[in-house]
Amino acid sequence: MQHVANAGPPAIIFRPPSYVERLDVGALFPKPHPLEVELGSGDGSFIAQWASLNPETNFLAVERLLGRLRKIERKSHRAGLANVRALRLEASYFAEYLLPPESVTAFHIYFPDPWPKRKHRVNRLINEPFAEVLRAALRIDGIVYLRTDDLDYFAQMNRVFEANKNFKAVPTPERLASVLTDFERNFIAEGIQTNRAAYRRVA
């Protein structure tokens, strides 16, 4: 009788087969659940909690720093999460070139770099062209969830999505708002106000 070796926990961090072709996102996960994407996942505090609360949803974390990805992997393994995968890539490139059209039910973009100096604001992730990138990747009724502590950037986020006829402002559910990122916990501890917005893709 042959003994099958224990395969161990699933690999959370993955490398896409191509950086110029669309991902087969369904092949990344053991079950074909709806997909939510977090762009700029930090140490994984949010995505590990939210994935634990939503086992019937698949989650993809996108982060540029390998050390942070390894934290996401450790947290996912400790929690026994089969519905999380993580990718090391720049967020805007990933969303525009690797995500298939209408493949995502929600984007989570929390505390992106605010680039506070006026001459650097062109580097901000949330702008008019990127809103169109998110629209293309979202399913109808899919939602972009936003959080930031920077009031100027928050105003820009709202202007961008309110000017796009393909999005409509909606409330952030309290169940989601109660799940905090690492940055958010620190801001709250320091008494710094954080701001939330959400926009649904309409037909």
N, C-alpha and C. Protein backbone atom coordinates (compact mmCIF):
# COMPACT_ATOMS: atom_id res chain seq x y z
N MET A 1 0.84 -1.21 0.00
CA MET A 1 0.00 0.00 0.00
C MET A 1 0.87 1.24 0.00
N GLN A 2 0.58 2.17 -0.91
CA GLN A 2 1.38 3.38 -1.01
C GLN A 2 0.84 4.45 -0.06
N HIS A 3 1.73 5.21 0.50
CA HIS A 3 1.36 6.32 1.38
C HIS A 3 1.55 7.63 0.61
N VAL A 4 0.53 8.46 0.61
CA VAL A 4 0.61 9.75 -0.07
C VAL A 4 1.17 10.78 0.90
N ALA A 5 2.22 11.48 0.49
CA ALA A 5 2.84 12.48 1.36
C ALA A 5 1.88 13.65 1.56
N ASN A 6 1.97 14.24 2.73
CA ASN A 6 1.14 15.42 3.03
C ASN A 6 1.61 16.59 2.17
N ALA A 7 0.69 17.14 1.40
CA ALA A 7 1.07 18.22 0.48
C ALA A 7 1.33 19.53 1.21
N GLY A 8 0.91 19.63 2.48
CA GLY A 8 1.10 20.85 3.23
C GLY A 8 0.11 21.91 2.83
N PRO A 9 0.20 23.10 3.44
CA PRO A 9 -0.76 24.17 3.14
C PRO A 9 -0.56 24.69 1.71
N PRO A 10 -1.60 25.25 1.11
CA PRO A 10 -1.47 25.76 -0.26
C PRO A 10 -0.54 26.96 -0.31
N ALA A 11 0.12 27.13 -1.45
CA ALA A 11 0.96 28.31 -1.64
C ALA A 11 0.07 29.54 -1.76
N ILE A 12 0.34 30.53 -0.95
CA ILE A 12 -0.45 31.76 -0.99
C ILE A 12 0.14 32.73 -2.01
N ILE A 13 1.45 32.93 -1.96
CA ILE A 13 2.13 33.80 -2.91
C ILE A 13 2.33 33.03 -4.21
N PHE A 14 1.95 33.65 -5.32
CA PHE A 14 2.13 32.98 -6.60
C PHE A 14 2.74 33.94 -7.61
N ARG A 15 3.33 33.37 -8.65
CA ARG A 15 3.86 34.14 -9.76
C ARG A 15 3.01 33.84 -10.98
N PRO A 16 2.48 34.86 -11.64
CA PRO A 16 1.61 34.59 -12.79
C PRO A 16 2.40 33.95 -13.93
N PRO A 17 1.75 33.10 -14.73
CA PRO A 17 2.45 32.47 -15.86
C PRO A 17 2.90 33.48 -16.89
N SER A 18 2.24 34.65 -16.95
CA SER A 18 2.61 35.70 -17.89
C SER A 18 2.33 37.05 -17.25
N TYR A 19 3.17 38.02 -17.56
CA TYR A 19 2.93 39.39 -17.09
C TYR A 19 2.31 40.27 -18.18
N VAL A 20 1.95 39.67 -19.30
CA VAL A 20 1.35 40.44 -20.39
C VAL A 20 0.02 39.83 -20.85
N GLU A 21 -0.38 38.70 -20.26
CA GLU A 21 -1.66 38.08 -20.60
C GLU A 21 -2.56 38.05 -19.38
N ARG A 22 -3.86 38.02 -19.60
CA ARG A 22 -4.83 38.02 -18.51
C ARG A 22 -4.72 36.75 -17.68
N LEU A 23 -4.89 36.91 -16.38
CA LEU A 23 -4.87 35.77 -15.47
C LEU A 23 -6.11 34.91 -15.64
N ASP A 24 -5.95 33.62 -15.44
CA ASP A 24 -7.09 32.73 -15.24
C ASP A 24 -7.34 32.71 -13.74
N VAL A 25 -8.13 33.66 -13.26
CA VAL A 25 -8.28 33.82 -11.81
C VAL A 25 -8.97 32.62 -11.18
N GLY A 26 -9.83 31.94 -11.92
CA GLY A 26 -10.50 30.77 -11.37
C GLY A 26 -9.56 29.64 -11.05
N ALA A 27 -8.43 29.59 -11.78
CA ALA A 27 -7.47 28.51 -11.56
C ALA A 27 -6.61 28.72 -10.30
N LEU A 28 -6.69 29.90 -9.71
CA LEU A 28 -5.86 30.20 -8.54
C LEU A 28 -6.41 29.60 -7.26
N PHE A 29 -7.70 29.30 -7.24
CA PHE A 29 -8.37 28.92 -6.00
C PHE A 29 -9.03 27.54 -6.13
N PRO A 30 -9.18 26.84 -5.01
CA PRO A 30 -9.79 25.51 -5.08
C PRO A 30 -11.27 25.53 -5.41
N LYS A 31 -11.96 26.65 -5.12
CA LYS A 31 -13.40 26.72 -5.39
C LYS A 31 -13.72 28.00 -6.16
N PRO A 32 -14.69 27.92 -7.08
CA PRO A 32 -15.01 29.07 -7.95
C PRO A 32 -15.94 30.09 -7.31
N HIS A 33 -15.46 30.75 -6.27
CA HIS A 33 -16.27 31.75 -5.59
C HIS A 33 -16.07 33.13 -6.24
N PRO A 34 -16.94 34.10 -5.92
CA PRO A 34 -16.72 35.48 -6.36
C PRO A 34 -15.36 35.99 -5.87
N LEU A 35 -14.79 36.92 -6.65
CA LEU A 35 -13.44 37.40 -6.37
C LEU A 35 -13.46 38.84 -5.88
N GLU A 36 -12.76 39.10 -4.75
CA GLU A 36 -12.49 40.45 -4.29
C GLU A 36 -10.98 40.67 -4.31
N VAL A 37 -10.56 41.89 -4.63
CA VAL A 37 -9.14 42.22 -4.79
C VAL A 37 -8.79 43.38 -3.88
N GLU A 38 -7.70 43.22 -3.13
CA GLU A 38 -7.17 44.34 -2.35
C GLU A 38 -5.90 44.82 -3.01
N LEU A 39 -5.89 46.08 -3.41
CA LEU A 39 -4.72 46.70 -4.04
C LEU A 39 -3.93 47.45 -2.99
N GLY A 40 -2.72 46.97 -2.70
CA GLY A 40 -1.90 47.54 -1.65
C GLY A 40 -2.30 46.98 -0.31
N SER A 41 -1.93 45.71 -0.07
CA SER A 41 -2.47 44.97 1.07
C SER A 41 -1.70 45.15 2.37
N GLY A 42 -0.59 45.88 2.35
CA GLY A 42 0.16 46.08 3.59
C GLY A 42 0.58 44.75 4.19
N ASP A 43 0.40 44.61 5.49
CA ASP A 43 0.82 43.37 6.16
C ASP A 43 -0.29 42.32 6.18
N GLY A 44 -1.38 42.58 5.48
CA GLY A 44 -2.45 41.59 5.39
C GLY A 44 -3.44 41.61 6.53
N SER A 45 -3.38 42.62 7.39
CA SER A 45 -4.29 42.68 8.53
C SER A 45 -5.75 42.66 8.07
N PHE A 46 -6.06 43.46 7.05
CA PHE A 46 -7.44 43.51 6.59
C PHE A 46 -7.83 42.22 5.88
N ILE A 47 -7.06 41.82 4.89
CA ILE A 47 -7.51 40.73 4.03
C ILE A 47 -7.62 39.41 4.78
N ALA A 48 -6.74 39.18 5.75
CA ALA A 48 -6.83 37.93 6.52
C ALA A 48 -8.11 37.90 7.36
N GLN A 49 -8.45 39.04 7.97
CA GLN A 49 -9.69 39.10 8.77
C GLN A 49 -10.93 38.95 7.87
N TRP A 50 -10.96 39.71 6.78
CA TRP A 50 -12.13 39.73 5.92
C TRP A 50 -12.33 38.39 5.21
N ALA A 51 -11.25 37.75 4.83
CA ALA A 51 -11.34 36.43 4.20
C ALA A 51 -11.85 35.39 5.18
N SER A 52 -11.47 35.52 6.45
CA SER A 52 -11.97 34.59 7.48
C SER A 52 -13.47 34.73 7.66
N LEU A 53 -13.97 35.96 7.56
CA LEU A 53 -15.39 36.23 7.73
C LEU A 53 -16.21 35.88 6.50
N ASN A 54 -15.54 35.69 5.36
CA ASN A 54 -16.24 35.45 4.09
C ASN A 54 -15.65 34.24 3.37
N PRO A 55 -15.84 33.04 3.90
CA PRO A 55 -15.23 31.85 3.30
C PRO A 55 -15.78 31.51 1.92
N GLU A 56 -16.95 32.08 1.55
CA GLU A 56 -17.53 31.80 0.23
C GLU A 56 -17.11 32.85 -0.80
N THR A 57 -16.04 33.58 -0.51
CA THR A 57 -15.48 34.55 -1.44
C THR A 57 -13.99 34.30 -1.56
N ASN A 58 -13.44 34.45 -2.75
CA ASN A 58 -11.99 34.36 -2.96
C ASN A 58 -11.38 35.76 -2.90
N PHE A 59 -10.16 35.84 -2.38
CA PHE A 59 -9.49 37.13 -2.19
C PHE A 59 -8.10 37.10 -2.79
N LEU A 60 -7.78 38.17 -3.50
CA LEU A 60 -6.46 38.32 -4.10
C LEU A 60 -5.81 39.59 -3.55
N ALA A 61 -4.66 39.44 -2.91
CA ALA A 61 -3.92 40.56 -2.34
C ALA A 61 -2.79 40.94 -3.30
N VAL A 62 -2.70 42.22 -3.62
CA VAL A 62 -1.65 42.71 -4.51
C VAL A 62 -0.79 43.69 -3.72
N GLU A 63 0.50 43.42 -3.70
CA GLU A 63 1.43 44.21 -2.88
C GLU A 63 2.80 44.18 -3.54
N ARG A 64 3.52 45.29 -3.48
CA ARG A 64 4.84 45.35 -4.13
C ARG A 64 5.96 44.79 -3.27
N LEU A 65 5.81 44.83 -1.95
CA LEU A 65 6.91 44.47 -1.06
C LEU A 65 6.83 43.01 -0.64
N LEU A 66 7.90 42.28 -0.90
CA LEU A 66 7.91 40.84 -0.63
C LEU A 66 7.75 40.54 0.85
N GLY A 67 8.34 41.35 1.72
CA GLY A 67 8.21 41.13 3.15
C GLY A 67 6.76 41.18 3.60
N ARG A 68 5.99 42.11 3.03
CA ARG A 68 4.58 42.20 3.37
C ARG A 68 3.81 40.99 2.84
N LEU A 69 4.16 40.53 1.65
CA LEU A 69 3.50 39.35 1.10
C LEU A 69 3.74 38.13 1.99
N ARG A 70 4.93 38.03 2.51
CA ARG A 70 5.23 36.88 3.39
C ARG A 70 4.41 36.96 4.67
N LYS A 71 4.15 38.17 5.16
CA LYS A 71 3.27 38.31 6.33
C LYS A 71 1.85 37.86 5.99
N ILE A 72 1.38 38.24 4.80
CA ILE A 72 0.05 37.80 4.36
C ILE A 72 0.00 36.28 4.29
N GLU A 73 1.04 35.68 3.77
CA GLU A 73 1.08 34.22 3.67
C GLU A 73 1.05 33.57 5.04
N ARG A 74 1.84 34.09 5.98
CA ARG A 74 1.86 33.51 7.32
C ARG A 74 0.50 33.64 7.99
N LYS A 75 -0.12 34.81 7.87
CA LYS A 75 -1.44 35.02 8.49
C LYS A 75 -2.48 34.10 7.86
N SER A 76 -2.42 33.93 6.57
CA SER A 76 -3.38 33.06 5.89
C SER A 76 -3.21 31.61 6.31
N HIS A 77 -1.97 31.16 6.44
CA HIS A 77 -1.72 29.79 6.87
C HIS A 77 -2.16 29.57 8.31
N ARG A 78 -1.86 30.55 9.17
CA ARG A 78 -2.26 30.39 10.58
C ARG A 78 -3.77 30.29 10.72
N ALA A 79 -4.49 31.05 9.87
CA ALA A 79 -5.95 31.04 9.94
C ALA A 79 -6.57 29.92 9.11
N GLY A 80 -5.73 29.14 8.41
CA GLY A 80 -6.24 28.06 7.59
C GLY A 80 -7.07 28.54 6.41
N LEU A 81 -6.67 29.65 5.80
CA LEU A 81 -7.45 30.24 4.72
C LEU A 81 -7.05 29.65 3.37
N ALA A 82 -7.99 28.98 2.73
CA ALA A 82 -7.77 28.46 1.38
C ALA A 82 -8.23 29.45 0.32
N ASN A 83 -8.86 30.54 0.74
CA ASN A 83 -9.47 31.49 -0.20
C ASN A 83 -8.66 32.78 -0.36
N VAL A 84 -7.37 32.75 -0.04
CA VAL A 84 -6.50 33.92 -0.20
C VAL A 84 -5.31 33.55 -1.09
N ARG A 85 -5.00 34.43 -2.03
CA ARG A 85 -3.77 34.34 -2.81
C ARG A 85 -3.15 35.72 -2.84
N ALA A 86 -1.83 35.79 -3.04
CA ALA A 86 -1.11 37.06 -2.99
C ALA A 86 -0.12 37.14 -4.15
N LEU A 87 0.01 38.33 -4.68
CA LEU A 87 0.83 38.56 -5.87
C LEU A 87 1.69 39.79 -5.67
N ARG A 88 2.96 39.69 -6.06
CA ARG A 88 3.88 40.82 -5.96
C ARG A 88 3.90 41.56 -7.30
N LEU A 89 3.25 42.72 -7.32
CA LEU A 89 3.16 43.48 -8.56
C LEU A 89 2.64 44.88 -8.25
N GLU A 90 2.91 45.80 -9.15
CA GLU A 90 2.41 47.16 -9.00
C GLU A 90 0.91 47.17 -9.28
N ALA A 91 0.15 47.83 -8.42
CA ALA A 91 -1.31 47.69 -8.42
C ALA A 91 -1.96 48.14 -9.72
N SER A 92 -1.56 49.29 -10.26
CA SER A 92 -2.23 49.80 -11.45
C SER A 92 -1.96 48.92 -12.66
N TYR A 93 -0.73 48.41 -12.77
CA TYR A 93 -0.42 47.52 -13.89
C TYR A 93 -1.24 46.23 -13.79
N PHE A 94 -1.29 45.68 -12.59
CA PHE A 94 -2.05 44.45 -12.38
C PHE A 94 -3.51 44.63 -12.78
N ALA A 95 -4.13 45.70 -12.29
CA ALA A 95 -5.55 45.91 -12.54
C ALA A 95 -5.83 46.13 -14.03
N GLU A 96 -4.92 46.82 -14.72
CA GLU A 96 -5.17 47.14 -16.13
C GLU A 96 -4.85 45.98 -17.07
N TYR A 97 -3.79 45.23 -16.78
CA TYR A 97 -3.29 44.28 -17.78
C TYR A 97 -3.45 42.81 -17.41
N LEU A 98 -3.65 42.50 -16.14
CA LEU A 98 -3.73 41.09 -15.77
C LEU A 98 -5.13 40.63 -15.39
N LEU A 99 -5.97 41.53 -14.91
CA LEU A 99 -7.32 41.12 -14.53
C LEU A 99 -8.21 40.97 -15.76
N PRO A 100 -8.94 39.88 -15.88
CA PRO A 100 -9.89 39.76 -16.98
C PRO A 100 -11.04 40.75 -16.82
N PRO A 101 -11.67 41.15 -17.92
CA PRO A 101 -12.82 42.05 -17.84
C PRO A 101 -13.94 41.44 -17.00
N GLU A 102 -14.56 42.28 -16.19
CA GLU A 102 -15.73 41.91 -15.39
C GLU A 102 -15.50 40.63 -14.57
N SER A 103 -14.35 40.56 -13.94
CA SER A 103 -14.00 39.38 -13.14
C SER A 103 -14.04 39.61 -11.64
N VAL A 104 -14.22 40.86 -11.21
CA VAL A 104 -14.06 41.23 -9.80
C VAL A 104 -15.39 41.74 -9.24
N THR A 105 -15.75 41.30 -8.05
CA THR A 105 -16.97 41.80 -7.40
C THR A 105 -16.70 42.97 -6.47
N ALA A 106 -15.46 43.12 -5.99
CA ALA A 106 -15.13 44.27 -5.14
C ALA A 106 -13.63 44.53 -5.17
N PHE A 107 -13.29 45.80 -5.19
CA PHE A 107 -11.92 46.24 -4.97
C PHE A 107 -11.86 46.91 -3.60
N HIS A 108 -10.80 46.62 -2.85
CA HIS A 108 -10.51 47.31 -1.59
C HIS A 108 -9.22 48.09 -1.78
N ILE A 109 -9.29 49.41 -1.67
CA ILE A 109 -8.10 50.25 -1.82
C ILE A 109 -8.04 51.14 -0.59
N TYR A 110 -7.18 50.74 0.34
CA TYR A 110 -7.16 51.36 1.65
C TYR A 110 -5.82 52.02 1.94
N PHE A 111 -5.88 53.31 2.20
CA PHE A 111 -4.71 54.11 2.59
C PHE A 111 -3.58 54.02 1.56
N PRO A 112 -3.91 54.25 0.27
CA PRO A 112 -2.83 54.33 -0.72
C PRO A 112 -1.96 55.54 -0.44
N ASP A 113 -0.75 55.52 -0.94
CA ASP A 113 0.19 56.62 -0.72
C ASP A 113 -0.46 57.93 -1.16
N PRO A 114 -0.60 58.91 -0.25
CA PRO A 114 -1.30 60.16 -0.60
C PRO A 114 -0.48 61.14 -1.43
N TRP A 115 0.85 60.93 -1.54
CA TRP A 115 1.69 61.87 -2.28
C TRP A 115 1.25 63.30 -1.95
N PRO A 116 1.45 63.76 -0.72
CA PRO A 116 0.85 65.04 -0.29
C PRO A 116 1.41 66.28 -0.96
N LYS A 117 2.65 66.25 -1.43
CA LYS A 117 3.19 67.45 -2.08
C LYS A 117 2.49 67.66 -3.41
N ARG A 118 2.15 68.90 -3.69
CA ARG A 118 1.37 69.22 -4.89
C ARG A 118 2.03 68.68 -6.15
N LYS A 119 3.35 68.82 -6.27
CA LYS A 119 4.03 68.40 -7.50
C LYS A 119 4.07 66.88 -7.65
N HIS A 120 3.77 66.15 -6.56
CA HIS A 120 3.80 64.69 -6.61
C HIS A 120 2.42 64.06 -6.77
N ARG A 121 1.37 64.90 -6.75
CA ARG A 121 0.01 64.33 -6.75
C ARG A 121 -0.31 63.57 -8.03
N VAL A 122 0.43 63.83 -9.08
CA VAL A 122 0.23 63.09 -10.32
C VAL A 122 0.50 61.59 -10.14
N ASN A 123 1.24 61.25 -9.07
CA ASN A 123 1.57 59.85 -8.80
C ASN A 123 0.47 59.10 -8.06
N ARG A 124 -0.57 59.78 -7.63
CA ARG A 124 -1.64 59.11 -6.88
C ARG A 124 -2.31 58.03 -7.72
N LEU A 125 -2.64 56.93 -7.05
CA LEU A 125 -3.26 55.80 -7.74
C LEU A 125 -4.65 56.13 -8.27
N ILE A 126 -5.45 56.81 -7.44
CA ILE A 126 -6.84 57.07 -7.81
C ILE A 126 -6.93 58.33 -8.65
N ASN A 127 -7.21 58.15 -9.94
CA ASN A 127 -7.41 59.26 -10.86
C ASN A 127 -8.43 58.83 -11.92
N GLU A 128 -8.75 59.71 -12.84
CA GLU A 128 -9.79 59.42 -13.83
C GLU A 128 -9.48 58.18 -14.68
N PRO A 129 -8.27 58.05 -15.24
CA PRO A 129 -8.00 56.85 -16.04
C PRO A 129 -8.08 55.56 -15.22
N PHE A 130 -7.64 55.62 -13.96
CA PHE A 130 -7.66 54.39 -13.16
C PHE A 130 -9.09 53.99 -12.79
N ALA A 131 -9.97 54.96 -12.63
CA ALA A 131 -11.37 54.64 -12.37
C ALA A 131 -11.94 53.82 -13.53
N GLU A 132 -11.52 54.14 -14.75
CA GLU A 132 -11.97 53.37 -15.92
C GLU A 132 -11.36 51.97 -15.93
N VAL A 133 -10.14 51.84 -15.46
CA VAL A 133 -9.52 50.52 -15.33
C VAL A 133 -10.31 49.65 -14.36
N LEU A 134 -10.70 50.24 -13.23
CA LEU A 134 -11.48 49.50 -12.25
C LEU A 134 -12.85 49.15 -12.80
N ARG A 135 -13.47 50.08 -13.52
CA ARG A 135 -14.77 49.79 -14.11
C ARG A 135 -14.70 48.58 -15.04
N ALA A 136 -13.66 48.52 -15.85
CA ALA A 136 -13.54 47.41 -16.81
C ALA A 136 -13.37 46.07 -16.11
N ALA A 137 -12.69 46.06 -14.97
CA ALA A 137 -12.44 44.80 -14.26
C ALA A 137 -13.62 44.38 -13.38
N LEU A 138 -14.49 45.34 -13.03
CA LEU A 138 -15.61 45.04 -12.15
C LEU A 138 -16.79 44.44 -12.90
N ARG A 139 -17.47 43.51 -12.23
CA ARG A 139 -18.77 43.07 -12.71
C ARG A 139 -19.79 44.18 -12.50
N ILE A 140 -20.89 44.11 -13.24
CA ILE A 140 -21.99 45.03 -12.97
C ILE A 140 -22.41 44.86 -11.50
N ASP A 141 -22.59 45.95 -10.81
CA ASP A 141 -22.91 46.00 -9.38
C ASP A 141 -21.70 45.73 -8.49
N GLY A 142 -20.53 45.54 -9.08
CA GLY A 142 -19.32 45.44 -8.27
C GLY A 142 -19.00 46.78 -7.63
N ILE A 143 -18.23 46.76 -6.54
CA ILE A 143 -18.02 47.96 -5.73
C ILE A 143 -16.54 48.23 -5.50
N VAL A 144 -16.17 49.49 -5.54
CA VAL A 144 -14.84 49.95 -5.13
C VAL A 144 -14.97 50.54 -3.73
N TYR A 145 -14.25 49.98 -2.77
CA TYR A 145 -14.24 50.49 -1.40
C TYR A 145 -12.94 51.25 -1.17
N LEU A 146 -13.05 52.45 -0.63
CA LEU A 146 -11.90 53.35 -0.45
C LEU A 146 -11.79 53.80 1.00
N ARG A 147 -10.54 53.93 1.46
CA ARG A 147 -10.29 54.54 2.78
C ARG A 147 -8.99 55.34 2.70
N THR A 148 -8.96 56.46 3.38
CA THR A 148 -7.74 57.26 3.48
C THR A 148 -7.83 58.18 4.68
N ASP A 149 -6.68 58.59 5.18
CA ASP A 149 -6.63 59.58 6.25
C ASP A 149 -6.36 60.97 5.69
N ASP A 150 -6.04 61.06 4.39
CA ASP A 150 -5.65 62.32 3.78
C ASP A 150 -6.89 63.00 3.18
N LEU A 151 -7.29 64.13 3.73
CA LEU A 151 -8.53 64.78 3.31
C LEU A 151 -8.46 65.27 1.87
N ASP A 152 -7.31 65.76 1.44
CA ASP A 152 -7.19 66.23 0.06
C ASP A 152 -7.34 65.06 -0.91
N TYR A 153 -6.69 63.94 -0.60
CA TYR A 153 -6.80 62.75 -1.44
C TYR A 153 -8.23 62.20 -1.40
N PHE A 154 -8.86 62.26 -0.24
CA PHE A 154 -10.24 61.79 -0.13
C PHE A 154 -11.16 62.61 -1.04
N ALA A 155 -10.95 63.91 -1.06
CA ALA A 155 -11.75 64.77 -1.95
C ALA A 155 -11.50 64.41 -3.41
N GLN A 156 -10.25 64.13 -3.74
CA GLN A 156 -9.93 63.73 -5.11
C GLN A 156 -10.60 62.40 -5.47
N MET A 157 -10.55 61.42 -4.57
CA MET A 157 -11.21 60.14 -4.81
C MET A 157 -12.69 60.34 -5.13
N ASN A 158 -13.35 61.15 -4.32
CA ASN A 158 -14.77 61.38 -4.52
C ASN A 158 -15.05 62.11 -5.84
N ARG A 159 -14.24 63.08 -6.18
CA ARG A 159 -14.42 63.79 -7.44
C ARG A 159 -14.29 62.85 -8.63
N VAL A 160 -13.28 61.99 -8.56
CA VAL A 160 -13.02 61.07 -9.66
C VAL A 160 -14.21 60.15 -9.91
N PHE A 161 -14.74 59.55 -8.85
CA PHE A 161 -15.81 58.57 -9.04
C PHE A 161 -17.17 59.24 -9.28
N GLU A 162 -17.37 60.41 -8.67
CA GLU A 162 -18.64 61.11 -8.90
C GLU A 162 -18.73 61.66 -10.32
N ALA A 163 -17.59 61.91 -10.95
CA ALA A 163 -17.58 62.41 -12.32
C ALA A 163 -17.74 61.29 -13.34
N ASN A 164 -17.65 60.05 -12.91
CA ASN A 164 -17.74 58.91 -13.82
C ASN A 164 -19.17 58.37 -13.79
N LYS A 165 -19.86 58.43 -14.91
CA LYS A 165 -21.26 58.04 -14.98
C LYS A 165 -21.47 56.54 -14.74
N ASN A 166 -20.39 55.78 -14.74
CA ASN A 166 -20.50 54.34 -14.53
C ASN A 166 -20.46 53.94 -13.06
N PHE A 167 -20.35 54.92 -12.16
CA PHE A 167 -20.30 54.64 -10.73
C PHE A 167 -21.35 55.44 -9.98
N LYS A 168 -21.84 54.85 -8.91
CA LYS A 168 -22.80 55.50 -8.03
C LYS A 168 -22.35 55.32 -6.58
N ALA A 169 -22.38 56.38 -5.80
CA ALA A 169 -21.97 56.30 -4.40
C ALA A 169 -22.94 55.43 -3.61
N VAL A 170 -22.37 54.58 -2.74
CA VAL A 170 -23.16 53.72 -1.86
C VAL A 170 -22.52 53.72 -0.48
N PRO A 171 -23.26 53.36 0.57
CA PRO A 171 -22.66 53.30 1.91
C PRO A 171 -21.68 52.12 2.03
N THR A 172 -20.71 52.28 2.90
CA THR A 172 -19.85 51.14 3.28
C THR A 172 -20.56 50.36 4.37
N PRO A 173 -20.80 49.06 4.19
CA PRO A 173 -21.48 48.28 5.23
C PRO A 173 -20.70 48.32 6.55
N GLU A 174 -21.42 48.41 7.65
CA GLU A 174 -20.76 48.48 8.95
C GLU A 174 -19.91 47.22 9.22
N ARG A 175 -20.39 46.09 8.73
CA ARG A 175 -19.62 44.84 8.92
C ARG A 175 -18.24 44.94 8.28
N LEU A 176 -18.18 45.58 7.12
CA LEU A 176 -16.90 45.78 6.45
C LEU A 176 -16.10 46.88 7.13
N ALA A 177 -16.75 47.98 7.50
CA ALA A 177 -16.05 49.11 8.12
C ALA A 177 -15.39 48.72 9.43
N SER A 178 -15.93 47.70 10.10
CA SER A 178 -15.38 47.31 11.40
C SER A 178 -14.09 46.51 11.28
N VAL A 179 -13.74 46.06 10.06
CA VAL A 179 -12.51 45.30 9.84
C VAL A 179 -11.43 46.30 9.45
N LEU A 180 -10.42 46.46 10.31
CA LEU A 180 -9.44 47.52 10.17
C LEU A 180 -8.13 47.04 9.55
N THR A 181 -7.48 47.94 8.85
CA THR A 181 -6.13 47.67 8.37
C THR A 181 -5.12 48.01 9.47
N ASP A 182 -3.86 47.65 9.24
CA ASP A 182 -2.82 48.00 10.20
C ASP A 182 -2.67 49.51 10.31
N PHE A 183 -2.70 50.22 9.16
CA PHE A 183 -2.61 51.68 9.18
C PHE A 183 -3.77 52.27 9.97
N GLU A 184 -4.95 51.73 9.74
CA GLU A 184 -6.15 52.29 10.37
C GLU A 184 -6.10 52.17 11.88
N ARG A 185 -5.66 51.03 12.37
CA ARG A 185 -5.53 50.86 13.83
C ARG A 185 -4.59 51.89 14.41
N ASN A 186 -3.47 52.13 13.71
CA ASN A 186 -2.51 53.12 14.19
C ASN A 186 -3.09 54.53 14.18
N PHE A 187 -3.80 54.87 13.12
CA PHE A 187 -4.41 56.20 13.03
C PHE A 187 -5.42 56.41 14.15
N ILE A 188 -6.25 55.41 14.38
CA ILE A 188 -7.27 55.53 15.43
C ILE A 188 -6.60 55.70 16.80
N ALA A 189 -5.52 54.94 17.03
CA ALA A 189 -4.80 55.04 18.30
C ALA A 189 -4.21 56.43 18.50
N GLU A 190 -3.86 57.10 17.39
CA GLU A 190 -3.28 58.44 17.46
C GLU A 190 -4.33 59.55 17.36
N GLY A 191 -5.60 59.15 17.26
CA GLY A 191 -6.66 60.14 17.17
C GLY A 191 -6.80 60.79 15.82
N ILE A 192 -6.27 60.15 14.78
CA ILE A 192 -6.34 60.69 13.42
C ILE A 192 -7.61 60.17 12.74
N GLN A 193 -8.36 61.09 12.15
CA GLN A 193 -9.60 60.72 11.48
C GLN A 193 -9.31 59.95 10.20
N THR A 194 -10.07 58.88 9.95
CA THR A 194 -10.00 58.18 8.68
C THR A 194 -11.32 58.36 7.94
N ASN A 195 -11.27 58.24 6.64
CA ASN A 195 -12.43 58.55 5.79
C ASN A 195 -12.71 57.36 4.87
N ARG A 196 -14.00 57.07 4.67
CA ARG A 196 -14.40 55.93 3.85
C ARG A 196 -15.37 56.39 2.76
N ALA A 197 -15.30 55.72 1.62
CA ALA A 197 -16.27 55.93 0.54
C ALA A 197 -16.39 54.63 -0.22
N ALA A 198 -17.50 54.47 -0.93
CA ALA A 198 -17.72 53.28 -1.75
C ALA A 198 -18.51 53.67 -2.98
N TYR A 199 -18.16 53.06 -4.10
CA TYR A 199 -18.83 53.35 -5.36
C TYR A 199 -19.14 52.06 -6.11
N ARG A 200 -20.41 51.93 -6.48
CA ARG A 200 -20.88 50.73 -7.18
C ARG A 200 -20.86 50.98 -8.69
N ARG A 201 -20.39 49.97 -9.42
CA ARG A 201 -20.47 50.04 -10.88
C ARG A 201 -21.91 49.78 -11.32
N VAL A 202 -22.45 50.72 -12.09
CA VAL A 202 -23.82 50.59 -12.57
C VAL A 202 -23.79 50.23 -14.05
N ALA A 203 -24.88 49.67 -14.54
CA ALA A 203 -24.93 49.25 -15.94
C ALA A 203 -24.93 50.46 -16.87
